[in-house]
Amino acid sequence: MALKLFNTLSRSVEEFVPLDPAGVKVGMYCCGPTVHDSAHIGNFRTFVFADLMRRYLTFKGFQVFHVMNVTDVEDKIIARVRAANTSLREYTGKYEAAFFEDLRALGCLMPDKTPRATEFIPEIISLVEKLVARGLAYKAADGSVYFSIEKYRGCGCTYGQLLKLNFEEMRVGERVRSDEYAKESVADFALWKARVPEDGAVFWPSPWGEGRPGWHIECSAMSMKLLGPSFDLHLGGEDLIFPHHEDEIAQSEGAGLQPAGQKFVKHWMHGAHLLVEGKKMAKSLGNFFTLKDLTAKGFTGREIRYLLLTAHYRETFNFTVGGLEGARTSLARIDECLGKLREVAGNTEAAAEPALLKAFAESLDDDLNISGAWGVIFEWVRDTNRQLAENALTPPQAAAALVAWNAVDAVLGVGKAPETEVPAELNALLEQRMAARKAKDFKRADAIRDELKAKGWVIEDTPKGARLKRL
């Protein structure tokens, strides 16, 4: 079955076919963090979604080159650098390091390239020069260079490819220097911002004078430098559709670098917003969570990742503490099943059980239908547990089931439960209980069982005998 994905550009589900003539290589770009503060759980929904997309493309046999930028110069960053009285790199470096630490804690694969905007100033300037030369950008009286929406539309190009814009009802013709601007405004936006005193030491020389890049031009320059003027897949949160991604298209295609008949990006994907406890995240509501806030509550990156992967990427998702507790229970069900399979399989080798892989792929081929994929997995867990209870699985069958699960988990990335070492004194109690049962001293055996339970452990019977498992 072919992989089909919703394309924001066409507003429809399409078969995913890469630009590579061999149909193998895929260039994928995801808008990364703006390192002015710690990333919150809403940000990470997008990055976990991008990680799932990358992993599934690999599962399908594609060779993915994944780029995720780091925005390390923009309005908020400069304001905070000034307030902190520090250097740009010193300020952004600590948040960048914290972001990648969190990304790894959530089981995300590191992108192949993580370019910083400040490392691509020559490419940014070159792109702005091309737009000026083509008459689509101009230097204004304030010394900044702006992209002209009117000139772009005048040459037959469409501004409003990712969403329909009503130019009659929107404010047209304004000039906006800030990186973020009103959604109801169709405005000429800054490509290069002339230096002002508030910028402090954050500036670079350019043909138009000292200054710094606008936010939108950064992604265009970095993505086209690393992936080429046309590439396959661009991801981000739905809040970036306008103006950020629309402006990316305008300036990238306005520069005229794409081969005839090709777009800047063939396929756009956007993840929906995340609510926390049913409300928009806000510090004033007490529902603003970073990853460290959640791990401080006792939840693991693995549990958080699982919860973020339970809803379809285009559905607004309600993230709750109760949901995290449910994630812990669901993962424990999987872990218990896998543990029993390992007991049966031993060191037996086998090829993957095909049924699980086929059903799993059929769900994800349908626009990454992750809830359907989890349905397949838990049906497999139920069937496997039944067969285990009936002693109906041979070691080769158990090994085949484990190989299939490992292939599935290469996509999901939830990994294995951390090994829990049983304290020696508890193992000693377990041995005493076994001795008591052998001696038919059931009162003593029951008392030891209750003592173990009070300490947070239960006794589990396995083909290799009794063992302790944490509650």
Protein backbone atom coordinates (compact mmCIF):
# COMPACT_ATOMS: atom_id res chain seq x y z
CA MET A 1 0.00 0.00 0.00
CA ALA A 2 1.26 3.48 -0.88
CA LEU A 3 1.91 6.09 1.80
CA LYS A 4 -0.73 8.83 1.64
CA LEU A 5 -0.37 12.12 3.49
CA PHE A 6 -2.41 15.30 3.82
CA ASN A 7 -0.70 18.11 1.90
CA THR A 8 -1.50 21.58 3.26
CA LEU A 9 -0.58 22.96 -0.16
CA SER A 10 -3.30 21.04 -2.01
CA ARG A 11 -5.59 20.73 1.02
CA SER A 12 -6.01 17.05 0.22
CA VAL A 13 -4.60 13.61 0.99
CA GLU A 14 -2.06 12.64 -1.67
CA GLU A 15 0.22 9.72 -2.35
CA PHE A 16 3.69 10.65 -1.16
CA VAL A 17 6.12 10.45 -4.08
CA PRO A 18 9.59 11.99 -3.57
CA LEU A 19 11.29 14.21 -6.15
CA ASP A 20 14.18 11.75 -6.43
CA PRO A 21 13.87 10.03 -9.85
CA ALA A 22 14.76 6.74 -8.15
CA GLY A 23 11.99 7.32 -5.59
CA VAL A 24 14.33 6.64 -2.67
CA LYS A 25 15.88 9.82 -1.27
CA VAL A 26 13.70 12.23 0.74
CA GLY A 27 14.64 15.74 1.82
CA MET A 28 12.75 16.72 4.98
CA TYR A 29 12.83 20.05 6.82
CA CYS A 30 11.17 20.83 10.13
CA CYS A 31 11.06 24.29 11.67
CA GLY A 32 13.03 23.89 14.87
CA PRO A 33 13.24 25.77 18.17
CA THR A 34 13.64 29.49 18.69
CA VAL A 35 16.14 29.37 21.53
CA HIS A 36 15.00 32.31 23.66
CA ASP A 37 13.56 30.13 26.46
CA SER A 38 12.94 26.51 27.43
CA ALA A 39 10.75 24.63 24.95
CA HIS A 40 7.34 23.59 26.30
CA ILE A 41 5.34 20.42 25.78
CA GLY A 42 3.31 22.03 22.95
CA ASN A 43 6.52 22.63 21.00
CA PHE A 44 7.56 19.03 21.51
CA ARG A 45 4.33 17.70 20.05
CA THR A 46 5.55 19.03 16.69
CA PHE A 47 9.04 17.57 17.08
CA VAL A 48 7.75 14.13 18.13
CA PHE A 49 5.38 14.20 15.13
CA ALA A 50 8.33 15.04 12.84
CA ASP A 51 10.34 12.21 14.41
CA LEU A 52 7.48 9.78 13.74
CA MET A 53 7.33 10.93 10.11
CA ARG A 54 11.06 10.46 9.65
CA ARG A 55 11.06 7.05 11.30
CA TYR A 56 8.10 5.83 9.25
CA LEU A 57 9.64 7.00 5.99
CA THR A 58 12.73 4.97 6.93
CA PHE A 59 10.51 1.98 7.75
CA LYS A 60 9.02 2.32 4.24
CA GLY A 61 12.49 2.08 2.72
CA PHE A 62 13.18 5.75 2.01
CA GLN A 63 16.56 7.35 2.71
CA VAL A 64 15.69 10.44 4.70
CA PHE A 65 17.90 13.51 5.06
CA HIS A 66 16.38 15.39 7.99
CA VAL A 67 17.15 19.06 8.62
CA MET A 68 15.86 21.00 11.63
CA ASN A 69 17.00 24.57 12.07
CA VAL A 70 17.83 26.43 15.25
CA THR A 71 16.58 30.03 15.23
CA ASP A 72 19.26 31.80 17.25
CA VAL A 73 18.61 35.38 16.15
CA GLU A 74 15.22 37.11 16.08
CA ASP A 75 13.32 39.83 17.93
CA LYS A 76 12.65 38.05 21.25
CA ILE A 77 16.19 36.71 21.48
CA ILE A 78 17.74 40.13 20.96
CA ALA A 79 15.49 41.68 23.61
CA ARG A 80 16.48 39.00 26.11
CA VAL A 81 20.17 39.21 25.27
CA ARG A 82 19.99 42.93 26.00
CA ALA A 83 18.10 42.34 29.28
CA ALA A 84 20.58 39.65 30.38
CA ASN A 85 23.57 41.80 29.40
CA THR A 86 25.32 38.85 27.77
CA SER A 87 26.46 37.76 24.32
CA LEU A 88 24.11 36.26 21.74
CA ARG A 89 25.90 32.89 21.64
CA GLU A 90 26.19 32.62 25.42
CA TYR A 91 22.47 33.32 25.82
CA THR A 92 21.19 31.00 23.08
CA GLY A 93 23.72 28.24 23.74
CA LYS A 94 22.24 27.20 27.08
CA TYR A 95 18.70 26.95 25.69
CA GLU A 96 19.91 25.14 22.59
CA ALA A 97 21.72 22.55 24.72
CA ALA A 98 18.65 22.12 26.94
CA PHE A 99 16.42 21.64 23.89
CA PHE A 100 18.52 18.82 22.44
CA GLU A 101 18.76 17.18 25.86
CA ASP A 102 14.95 17.19 26.03
CA LEU A 103 14.70 15.95 22.44
CA ARG A 104 16.85 12.94 23.28
CA ALA A 105 14.88 12.32 26.50
CA LEU A 106 11.75 12.02 24.34
CA GLY A 107 13.40 9.34 22.22
CA CYS A 108 13.71 11.52 19.12
CA LEU A 109 16.44 10.78 16.61
CA MET A 110 18.86 13.64 16.12
CA PRO A 111 18.33 15.37 12.76
CA ASP A 112 21.10 14.93 10.20
CA LYS A 113 21.70 18.68 10.24
CA THR A 114 20.76 21.30 12.84
CA PRO A 115 21.85 24.59 11.24
CA ARG A 116 21.89 27.80 13.25
CA ALA A 117 20.63 30.92 11.49
CA THR A 118 23.73 32.86 12.55
CA GLU A 119 25.92 30.41 10.61
CA PHE A 120 24.09 31.15 7.33
CA ILE A 121 24.36 34.94 7.10
CA PRO A 122 26.18 34.83 3.69
CA GLU A 123 23.47 32.58 2.23
CA ILE A 124 20.74 34.83 3.66
CA ILE A 125 22.34 37.94 2.16
CA SER A 126 22.73 36.19 -1.21
CA LEU A 127 19.05 35.25 -1.23
CA VAL A 128 17.98 38.80 -0.40
CA GLU A 129 20.22 40.09 -3.18
CA LYS A 130 18.46 37.82 -5.68
CA LEU A 131 15.06 39.14 -4.59
CA VAL A 132 16.23 42.74 -4.89
CA ALA A 133 17.69 42.04 -8.35
CA ARG A 134 14.37 40.56 -9.49
CA GLY A 135 12.45 43.61 -8.28
CA LEU A 136 10.60 41.73 -5.54
CA ALA A 137 12.41 43.38 -2.63
CA TYR A 138 13.33 46.99 -1.90
CA LYS A 139 15.28 49.05 0.59
CA ALA A 140 12.99 51.33 2.59
CA ALA A 141 13.68 54.67 4.22
CA ASP A 142 14.48 52.98 7.54
CA GLY A 143 17.38 51.15 5.86
CA SER A 144 15.72 47.75 6.04
CA VAL A 145 14.98 45.54 3.02
CA TYR A 146 11.37 44.39 2.57
CA PHE A 147 9.67 41.80 0.39
CA SER A 148 6.97 43.35 -1.82
CA ILE A 149 3.71 41.36 -1.81
CA GLU A 150 2.33 43.63 -4.56
CA LYS A 151 5.30 43.05 -6.88
CA TYR A 152 5.22 39.31 -6.18
CA ARG A 153 1.54 39.06 -7.07
CA GLY A 154 2.07 41.37 -10.02
CA CYS A 155 4.42 38.89 -11.68
CA GLY A 156 1.72 36.23 -11.68
CA CYS A 157 2.70 34.53 -8.43
CA THR A 158 0.21 33.47 -5.78
CA TYR A 159 0.51 34.77 -2.23
CA GLY A 160 -1.81 32.54 -0.24
CA GLN A 161 -0.82 29.06 -1.38
CA LEU A 162 -1.14 27.39 2.01
CA LEU A 163 -4.40 29.12 2.94
CA LYS A 164 -6.90 31.26 1.08
CA LEU A 165 -6.48 34.97 1.75
CA ASN A 166 -9.21 37.53 1.15
CA PHE A 167 -7.21 40.52 0.00
CA GLU A 168 -10.28 42.77 -0.01
CA GLU A 169 -10.96 42.22 3.68
CA MET A 170 -7.38 42.11 4.90
CA ARG A 171 -5.11 45.07 5.53
CA VAL A 172 -2.92 45.18 2.43
CA GLY A 173 0.19 47.20 1.71
CA GLU A 174 1.46 47.70 5.23
CA ARG A 175 5.11 47.27 6.01
CA VAL A 176 6.01 45.14 9.02
CA ARG A 177 9.46 45.03 10.55
CA SER A 178 8.69 42.66 13.41
CA ASP A 179 9.11 38.93 12.91
CA GLU A 180 5.58 38.12 14.02
CA TYR A 181 2.64 40.15 12.81
CA ALA A 182 -1.13 40.19 12.82
CA LYS A 183 -2.77 37.29 11.02
CA GLU A 184 -5.26 39.63 9.36
CA SER A 185 -2.50 41.67 7.75
CA VAL A 186 -1.02 40.97 4.30
CA ALA A 187 2.13 42.95 4.77
CA ASP A 188 5.49 43.58 3.15
CA PHE A 189 7.81 41.80 5.57
CA ALA A 190 11.42 42.48 6.51
CA LEU A 191 14.10 40.37 4.84
CA TRP A 192 16.99 42.35 6.30
CA LYS A 193 16.58 44.64 9.31
CA ALA A 194 18.73 47.74 9.59
CA ARG A 195 20.70 47.98 12.79
CA VAL A 196 19.10 49.99 15.61
CA PRO A 197 20.63 50.87 19.01
CA GLU A 198 18.50 48.23 20.76
CA ASP A 199 20.25 45.50 18.75
CA GLY A 200 23.48 46.07 20.65
CA ALA A 201 26.24 43.87 19.28
CA VAL A 202 23.87 41.68 17.26
CA PHE A 203 24.50 42.79 13.67
CA TRP A 204 26.37 41.86 10.49
CA PRO A 205 27.61 43.88 7.50
CA SER A 206 25.57 43.70 4.29
CA PRO A 207 25.19 45.56 0.96
CA TRP A 208 22.40 47.59 2.62
CA GLY A 209 24.31 48.45 5.75
CA GLU A 210 24.75 46.82 9.15
CA GLY A 211 21.81 44.76 10.33
CA ARG A 212 20.43 41.28 10.80
CA PRO A 213 18.10 38.90 8.97
CA GLY A 214 14.35 38.70 9.35
CA TRP A 215 12.99 35.45 10.74
CA HIS A 216 11.25 34.20 7.58
CA ILE A 217 14.27 34.49 5.27
CA GLU A 218 16.41 32.39 7.64
CA CYS A 219 14.48 29.16 7.00
CA SER A 220 14.45 29.68 3.23
CA ALA A 221 18.21 30.17 3.09
CA MET A 222 19.05 27.25 5.35
CA SER A 223 16.62 24.75 3.81
CA MET A 224 17.60 25.51 0.20
CA LYS A 225 21.32 25.45 1.00
CA LEU A 226 21.09 22.01 2.66
CA LEU A 227 18.25 20.36 0.73
CA GLY A 228 18.30 22.17 -2.61
CA PRO A 229 15.92 24.77 -4.10
CA SER A 230 13.16 22.13 -4.29
CA PHE A 231 12.69 19.44 -1.68
CA ASP A 232 10.09 16.92 -0.62
CA LEU A 233 8.71 17.63 2.79
CA HIS A 234 8.36 20.63 5.12
CA LEU A 235 6.85 20.19 8.58
CA GLY A 236 5.86 22.48 11.41
CA GLY A 237 3.08 23.47 13.77
CA GLU A 238 -0.15 24.82 12.29
CA ASP A 239 0.55 28.22 13.86
CA LEU A 240 3.41 28.62 11.34
CA ILE A 241 1.22 28.28 8.22
CA PHE A 242 0.71 32.05 8.09
CA PRO A 243 2.70 34.17 7.91
CA HIS A 244 5.93 32.17 8.38
CA HIS A 245 5.50 29.33 5.88
CA GLU A 246 3.58 31.45 3.40
CA ASP A 247 6.41 33.96 3.45
CA GLU A 248 8.95 31.15 3.04
CA ILE A 249 7.21 30.10 -0.16
CA ALA A 250 7.00 33.66 -1.50
CA GLN A 251 10.67 34.52 -0.99
CA SER A 252 11.99 31.09 -2.00
CA GLU A 253 9.97 30.83 -5.21
CA GLY A 254 10.34 34.58 -5.81
CA ALA A 255 14.10 34.06 -6.06
CA GLY A 256 13.46 31.82 -9.08
CA LEU A 257 15.87 29.06 -8.06
CA GLN A 258 13.56 26.07 -8.60
CA PRO A 259 13.68 23.94 -11.76
CA ALA A 260 10.84 24.61 -14.20
CA GLY A 261 7.55 23.21 -12.95
CA GLN A 262 8.77 22.52 -9.41
CA LYS A 263 7.67 24.13 -6.16
CA PHE A 264 9.92 25.24 -3.32
CA VAL A 265 8.41 22.35 -1.30
CA LYS A 266 6.35 19.55 -2.80
CA HIS A 267 4.55 18.46 0.35
CA TRP A 268 3.68 20.51 3.47
CA MET A 269 2.54 18.92 6.74
CA HIS A 270 1.33 20.77 9.83
CA GLY A 271 0.66 19.49 13.33
CA ALA A 272 -2.33 20.77 15.30
CA HIS A 273 -2.26 22.66 18.59
CA LEU A 274 -1.93 20.99 21.95
CA LEU A 275 -4.22 21.91 24.84
CA VAL A 276 -3.28 21.19 28.45
CA GLU A 277 -6.10 20.05 30.71
CA GLY A 278 -8.54 21.35 28.08
CA LYS A 279 -7.14 24.88 27.91
CA LYS A 280 -4.55 26.79 25.97
CA MET A 281 -1.22 26.63 27.76
CA ALA A 282 -0.48 29.68 29.90
CA LYS A 283 1.73 30.25 32.92
CA SER A 284 -1.09 32.22 34.55
CA LEU A 285 -3.31 29.10 34.40
CA GLY A 286 -0.66 26.88 35.92
CA ASN A 287 -0.79 24.49 32.95
CA PHE A 288 2.44 25.56 31.25
CA PHE A 289 4.78 22.57 31.26
CA THR A 290 8.32 22.06 30.10
CA LEU A 291 9.66 18.52 29.88
CA LYS A 292 11.55 19.02 33.14
CA ASP A 293 8.32 20.13 34.86
CA LEU A 294 6.75 16.80 33.91
CA THR A 295 9.75 14.64 34.80
CA ALA A 296 9.82 16.41 38.19
CA LYS A 297 6.29 15.04 38.68
CA GLY A 298 7.68 11.54 38.24
CA PHE A 299 6.88 10.91 34.58
CA THR A 300 9.48 9.64 32.13
CA GLY A 301 10.33 10.93 28.66
CA ARG A 302 9.12 7.57 27.37
CA GLU A 303 5.66 8.05 28.91
CA ILE A 304 5.44 11.62 27.63
CA ARG A 305 6.41 10.50 24.13
CA TYR A 306 3.79 7.76 24.19
CA LEU A 307 1.05 10.23 25.14
CA LEU A 308 2.12 12.70 22.43
CA LEU A 309 1.85 9.85 19.92
CA THR A 310 -1.68 8.76 20.80
CA ALA A 311 -3.58 11.35 18.75
CA HIS A 312 -3.50 12.06 15.02
CA TYR A 313 -1.10 14.86 14.18
CA ARG A 314 -3.86 16.98 12.58
CA GLU A 315 -6.17 16.71 15.62
CA THR A 316 -6.07 19.23 18.46
CA PHE A 317 -4.88 17.15 21.38
CA ASN A 318 -5.74 17.49 25.06
CA PHE A 319 -2.65 16.70 27.14
CA THR A 320 -3.50 15.77 30.76
CA VAL A 321 -1.79 14.32 33.80
CA GLY A 322 -4.42 11.59 33.72
CA GLY A 323 -3.34 10.85 30.17
CA LEU A 324 0.25 10.41 31.36
CA GLU A 325 -0.91 7.95 34.01
CA GLY A 326 -2.78 6.08 31.28
CA ALA A 327 0.38 6.10 29.16
CA ARG A 328 2.27 4.47 32.04
CA THR A 329 -0.37 1.72 32.28
CA SER A 330 -0.40 1.11 28.51
CA LEU A 331 3.38 0.86 28.31
CA ALA A 332 3.38 -1.54 31.26
CA ARG A 333 0.97 -3.81 29.34
CA ILE A 334 3.31 -3.85 26.37
CA ASP A 335 6.39 -4.37 28.55
CA GLU A 336 4.79 -7.29 30.40
CA CYS A 337 3.88 -9.00 27.12
CA LEU A 338 7.37 -8.49 25.72
CA GLY A 339 8.97 -9.79 28.88
CA LYS A 340 6.99 -13.02 28.62
CA LEU A 341 7.88 -13.36 24.94
CA ARG A 342 11.57 -13.04 25.80
CA GLU A 343 11.23 -15.77 28.42
CA VAL A 344 9.76 -18.14 25.81
CA ALA A 345 12.02 -17.12 22.91
CA GLY A 346 15.30 -17.42 24.80
CA ASN A 347 18.13 -17.11 22.27
CA THR A 348 16.09 -18.41 19.34
CA GLU A 349 16.43 -16.48 16.07
CA ALA A 350 13.57 -15.96 13.61
CA ALA A 351 12.24 -13.72 10.85
CA ALA A 352 9.60 -11.11 11.75
CA GLU A 353 6.00 -12.17 12.13
CA PRO A 354 4.42 -10.51 9.03
CA ALA A 355 0.84 -9.98 10.27
CA LEU A 356 1.70 -7.28 12.81
CA LEU A 357 3.92 -5.36 10.38
CA LYS A 358 1.28 -5.46 7.63
CA ALA A 359 -1.57 -4.20 9.79
CA PHE A 360 0.65 -1.56 11.44
CA ALA A 361 1.79 -0.23 8.05
CA GLU A 362 -1.75 -0.14 6.67
CA SER A 363 -2.74 2.24 9.47
CA LEU A 364 0.25 4.56 9.17
CA ASP A 365 0.00 4.60 5.36
CA ASP A 366 -3.34 6.34 5.92
CA ASP A 367 -1.96 9.82 6.72
CA LEU A 368 -0.07 8.56 9.78
CA ASN A 369 -3.19 7.14 11.46
CA ILE A 370 -1.44 6.58 14.77
CA SER A 371 -4.56 5.74 16.77
CA GLY A 372 -5.30 2.96 14.28
CA ALA A 373 -1.71 1.75 14.64
CA TRP A 374 -2.02 1.59 18.44
CA GLY A 375 -5.27 -0.33 17.99
CA VAL A 376 -3.38 -2.88 15.93
CA ILE A 377 -0.65 -3.12 18.57
CA PHE A 378 -2.98 -3.68 21.52
CA GLU A 379 -4.99 -6.26 19.62
CA TRP A 380 -1.66 -8.01 18.99
CA VAL A 381 -0.82 -7.74 22.72
CA ARG A 382 -4.19 -9.32 23.65
CA ASP A 383 -3.76 -12.17 21.18
CA THR A 384 -0.16 -12.75 22.22
CA ASN A 385 -1.05 -12.79 25.93
CA ARG A 386 -3.79 -15.32 25.25
CA GLN A 387 -1.37 -17.59 23.39
CA LEU A 388 1.20 -17.19 26.16
CA ALA A 389 -1.38 -18.10 28.80
CA GLU A 390 -2.27 -21.23 26.80
CA ASN A 391 1.43 -22.13 26.31
CA ALA A 392 0.62 -22.08 22.60
CA LEU A 393 3.74 -20.22 21.43
CA THR A 394 6.91 -22.04 20.47
CA PRO A 395 10.30 -20.35 20.95
CA PRO A 396 10.57 -19.59 17.17
CA GLN A 397 7.07 -18.04 17.19
CA ALA A 398 7.91 -15.92 20.24
CA ALA A 399 11.16 -14.83 18.60
CA ALA A 400 9.28 -13.89 15.40
CA ALA A 401 6.84 -11.79 17.44
CA LEU A 402 9.74 -9.98 19.13
CA VAL A 403 11.43 -9.21 15.80
CA ALA A 404 8.15 -7.79 14.50
CA TRP A 405 7.75 -5.65 17.62
CA ASN A 406 11.30 -4.31 17.27
CA ALA A 407 10.50 -3.21 13.70
CA VAL A 408 7.33 -1.50 14.92
CA ASP A 409 9.17 0.18 17.77
CA ALA A 410 11.80 1.49 15.35
CA VAL A 411 8.92 3.70 14.16
CA LEU A 412 7.25 4.44 17.50
CA GLY A 413 10.49 4.96 19.41
CA VAL A 414 9.07 4.11 22.83
CA GLY A 415 11.91 1.67 23.50
CA LYS A 416 12.22 -0.74 26.38
CA ALA A 417 11.27 -0.18 29.99
CA PRO A 418 14.30 0.75 32.09
CA GLU A 419 15.65 -2.27 33.90
CA THR A 420 14.50 -2.34 37.52
CA GLU A 421 16.99 -4.06 39.78
CA VAL A 422 15.34 -6.05 42.54
CA PRO A 423 16.98 -5.33 45.93
CA ALA A 424 18.81 -8.34 47.38
CA GLU A 425 16.69 -8.37 50.56
CA LEU A 426 13.51 -8.67 48.47
CA ASN A 427 14.93 -11.55 46.44
CA ALA A 428 15.74 -13.19 49.77
CA LEU A 429 12.10 -12.78 50.83
CA LEU A 430 10.99 -14.34 47.54
CA GLU A 431 13.20 -17.36 48.20
CA GLN A 432 11.77 -17.65 51.72
CA ARG A 433 8.24 -17.63 50.29
CA MET A 434 9.14 -20.35 47.79
CA ALA A 435 10.59 -22.42 50.65
CA ALA A 436 7.46 -21.83 52.76
CA ARG A 437 5.19 -22.96 49.92
CA LYS A 438 7.33 -26.05 49.39
CA ALA A 439 6.96 -26.81 53.10
CA LYS A 440 3.18 -26.20 52.79
CA ASP A 441 3.44 -23.29 55.24
CA PHE A 442 0.88 -21.25 53.29
CA LYS A 443 0.24 -18.81 56.12
CA ARG A 444 3.93 -17.79 56.10
CA ALA A 445 3.95 -17.69 52.27
CA ASP A 446 0.91 -15.39 52.23
CA ALA A 447 2.46 -13.11 54.85
CA ILE A 448 5.63 -12.75 52.76
CA ARG A 449 3.54 -12.03 49.65
CA ASP A 450 1.68 -9.27 51.53
CA GLU A 451 4.96 -7.85 52.83
CA LEU A 452 6.37 -7.69 49.30
CA LYS A 453 3.20 -6.03 48.04
CA ALA A 454 3.42 -3.41 50.78
CA LYS A 455 6.93 -2.64 49.54
CA GLY A 456 5.61 -2.14 45.98
CA TRP A 457 6.38 -5.53 44.42
CA VAL A 458 4.26 -8.42 43.17
CA ILE A 459 5.21 -12.03 42.47
CA GLU A 460 4.90 -13.10 38.84
CA ASP A 461 5.04 -16.72 37.70
CA THR A 462 7.07 -17.28 34.53
CA PRO A 463 8.19 -20.41 32.65
CA LYS A 464 11.50 -20.00 34.46
CA GLY A 465 9.92 -19.73 37.88
CA ALA A 466 8.67 -16.94 40.15
CA ARG A 467 10.14 -13.44 39.95
CA LEU A 468 9.42 -10.01 41.41
CA LYS A 469 7.85 -7.20 39.40
CA ARG A 470 7.37 -3.63 40.58
CA LEU A 471 3.76 -2.53 40.97
